[in-house]
C-alpha atoms as a PDB file:
ATOM      1  CA  MET A   1       0.015  -0.003  -0.014  1.00  0.00           C
ATOM      2  CA  ALA A   2       1.354   3.389  -1.049  1.00  0.00           C
ATOM      3  CA  LEU A   3       2.365   5.729   1.709  1.00  0.00           C
ATOM      4  CA  LEU A   4       2.355   8.694  -0.607  1.00  0.00           C
ATOM      5  CA  SER A   5      -0.200   9.109  -3.534  1.00  0.00           C
ATOM      6  CA  TRP A   6       0.744  11.281  -6.529  1.00  0.00           C
ATOM      7  CA  SER A   7      -1.824  13.860  -7.495  1.00  0.00           C
ATOM      8  CA  PRO A   8      -2.097  16.170 -10.501  1.00  0.00           C
ATOM      9  CA  GLN A   9      -2.206  19.172  -8.019  1.00  0.00           C
ATOM     10  CA  TYR A  10       1.588  18.557  -7.463  1.00  0.00           C
ATOM     11  CA  LEU A  11       2.397  19.350 -11.060  1.00  0.00           C
ATOM     12  CA  ILE A  12       4.458  22.513 -11.474  1.00  0.00           C
ATOM     13  CA  GLY A  13       4.311  22.646 -15.299  1.00  0.00           C
ATOM     14  CA  ASN A  14       8.006  21.690 -15.967  1.00  0.00           C
ATOM     15  CA  GLU A  15       7.853  18.150 -17.437  1.00  0.00           C
ATOM     16  CA  THR A  16      11.392  17.165 -16.238  1.00  0.00           C
ATOM     17  CA  ILE A  17      10.741  18.267 -12.608  1.00  0.00           C
ATOM     18  CA  ASP A  18       7.260  16.869 -12.589  1.00  0.00           C
ATOM     19  CA  SER A  19       8.677  13.563 -13.711  1.00  0.00           C
ATOM     20  CA  GLU A  20      11.412  13.711 -11.059  1.00  0.00           C
ATOM     21  CA  HIS A  21       8.864  14.367  -8.408  1.00  0.00           C
ATOM     22  CA  GLN A  22       6.806  11.376  -9.487  1.00  0.00           C
ATOM     23  CA  GLU A  23       9.966   9.186  -9.321  1.00  0.00           C
ATOM     24  CA  LEU A  24      10.689  10.499  -5.826  1.00  0.00           C
ATOM     25  CA  PHE A  25       7.101   9.400  -4.718  1.00  0.00           C
ATOM     26  CA  ARG A  26       7.804   5.989  -6.274  1.00  0.00           C
ATOM     27  CA  LEU A  27      10.971   5.577  -4.452  1.00  0.00           C
ATOM     28  CA  VAL A  28       9.596   6.705  -1.115  1.00  0.00           C
ATOM     29  CA  ASN A  29       6.775   4.223  -1.605  1.00  0.00           C
ATOM     30  CA  ALA A  30       9.162   1.438  -2.573  1.00  0.00           C
ATOM     31  CA  PHE A  31      11.225   2.104   0.626  1.00  0.00           C
ATOM     32  CA  HIS A  32       8.216   2.223   2.779  1.00  0.00           C
ATOM     33  CA  ASP A  33       6.846  -1.090   1.161  1.00  0.00           C
ATOM     34  CA  HIS A  34      10.169  -2.807   1.845  1.00  0.00           C
ATOM     35  CA  TRP A  35      10.215  -1.570   5.428  1.00  0.00           C
ATOM     36  CA  MET A  36       6.544  -2.687   6.095  1.00  0.00           C
ATOM     37  CA  GLU A  37       7.186  -6.048   4.442  1.00  0.00           C
ATOM     38  CA  GLN A  38      10.188  -6.525   6.730  1.00  0.00           C
ATOM     39  CA  ARG A  39      12.384  -7.332   3.840  1.00  0.00           C
ATOM     40  CA  GLU A  40      16.108  -8.140   4.443  1.00  0.00           C
ATOM     41  CA  ARG A  41      18.156  -5.240   5.647  1.00  0.00           C
ATOM     42  CA  LYS A  42      20.285  -5.450   2.559  1.00  0.00           C
ATOM     43  CA  GLU A  43      17.232  -4.944   0.246  1.00  0.00           C
ATOM     44  CA  ILE A  44      15.902  -1.994   2.376  1.00  0.00           C
ATOM     45  CA  ALA A  45      19.242  -0.397   2.326  1.00  0.00           C
ATOM     46  CA  GLN A  46      19.484  -0.634  -1.432  1.00  0.00           C
ATOM     47  CA  VAL A  47      16.126   1.130  -1.947  1.00  0.00           C
ATOM     48  CA  LEU A  48      17.024   3.699   0.606  1.00  0.00           C
ATOM     49  CA  ASN A  49      20.336   4.393  -1.174  1.00  0.00           C
ATOM     50  CA  GLN A  50      18.491   4.744  -4.495  1.00  0.00           C
ATOM     51  CA  LEU A  51      16.157   7.296  -2.785  1.00  0.00           C
ATOM     52  CA  ILE A  52      18.982   9.276  -1.283  1.00  0.00           C
ATOM     53  CA  THR A  53      20.935   9.355  -4.546  1.00  0.00           C
ATOM     54  CA  TYR A  54      18.023  10.280  -6.601  1.00  0.00           C
ATOM     55  CA  ALA A  55      16.908  13.007  -4.213  1.00  0.00           C
ATOM     56  CA  GLN A  56      20.377  14.586  -4.227  1.00  0.00           C
ATOM     57  CA  MET A  57      20.444  14.570  -7.942  1.00  0.00           C
ATOM     58  CA  HIS A  58      16.926  16.038  -8.042  1.00  0.00           C
ATOM     59  CA  PHE A  59      17.634  18.823  -5.671  1.00  0.00           C
ATOM     60  CA  GLN A  60      20.846  19.708  -7.435  1.00  0.00           C
ATOM     61  CA  HIS A  61      18.831  19.826 -10.643  1.00  0.00           C
ATOM     62  CA  GLU A  62      16.127  22.022  -9.121  1.00  0.00           C
ATOM     63  CA  GLU A  63      18.713  24.376  -7.707  1.00  0.00           C
ATOM     64  CA  SER A  64      20.490  24.645 -11.107  1.00  0.00           C
ATOM     65  CA  ILE A  65      17.161  25.513 -12.760  1.00  0.00           C
ATOM     66  CA  MET A  66      16.395  28.119 -10.166  1.00  0.00           C
ATOM     67  CA  GLN A  67      19.906  29.643 -10.501  1.00  0.00           C
ATOM     68  CA  ASN A  68      19.614  29.713 -14.354  1.00  0.00           C
ATOM     69  CA  CYS A  69      16.267  31.531 -13.911  1.00  0.00           C
ATOM     70  CA  GLY A  70      17.560  34.056 -11.483  1.00  0.00           C
ATOM     71  CA  TYR A  71      15.199  32.889  -8.661  1.00  0.00           C
ATOM     72  CA  PRO A  72      15.484  35.538  -6.042  1.00  0.00           C
ATOM     73  CA  GLN A  73      15.162  33.371  -3.026  1.00  0.00           C
ATOM     74  CA  LEU A  74      17.647  30.582  -4.045  1.00  0.00           C
ATOM     75  CA  ALA A  75      19.979  31.228  -1.131  1.00  0.00           C
ATOM     76  CA  ASP A  76      17.119  30.688   1.303  1.00  0.00           C
END
């Protein structure tokens, strides 16, 4: 059972970022499922590492887009 449910209200209008957000939902749900199913620690860690790596890439990507657009509150 999904912990998080994607909704069109989360769309921001940037196809790449919207796709990345959906992937983050998928990975969070995969981690949650593995945890709840009490899978082996190694399997849970693999999914968690995927989530962490993907989240780092995604936030770097978002920050790069904000910087390129001159987003005034980027430093915050």
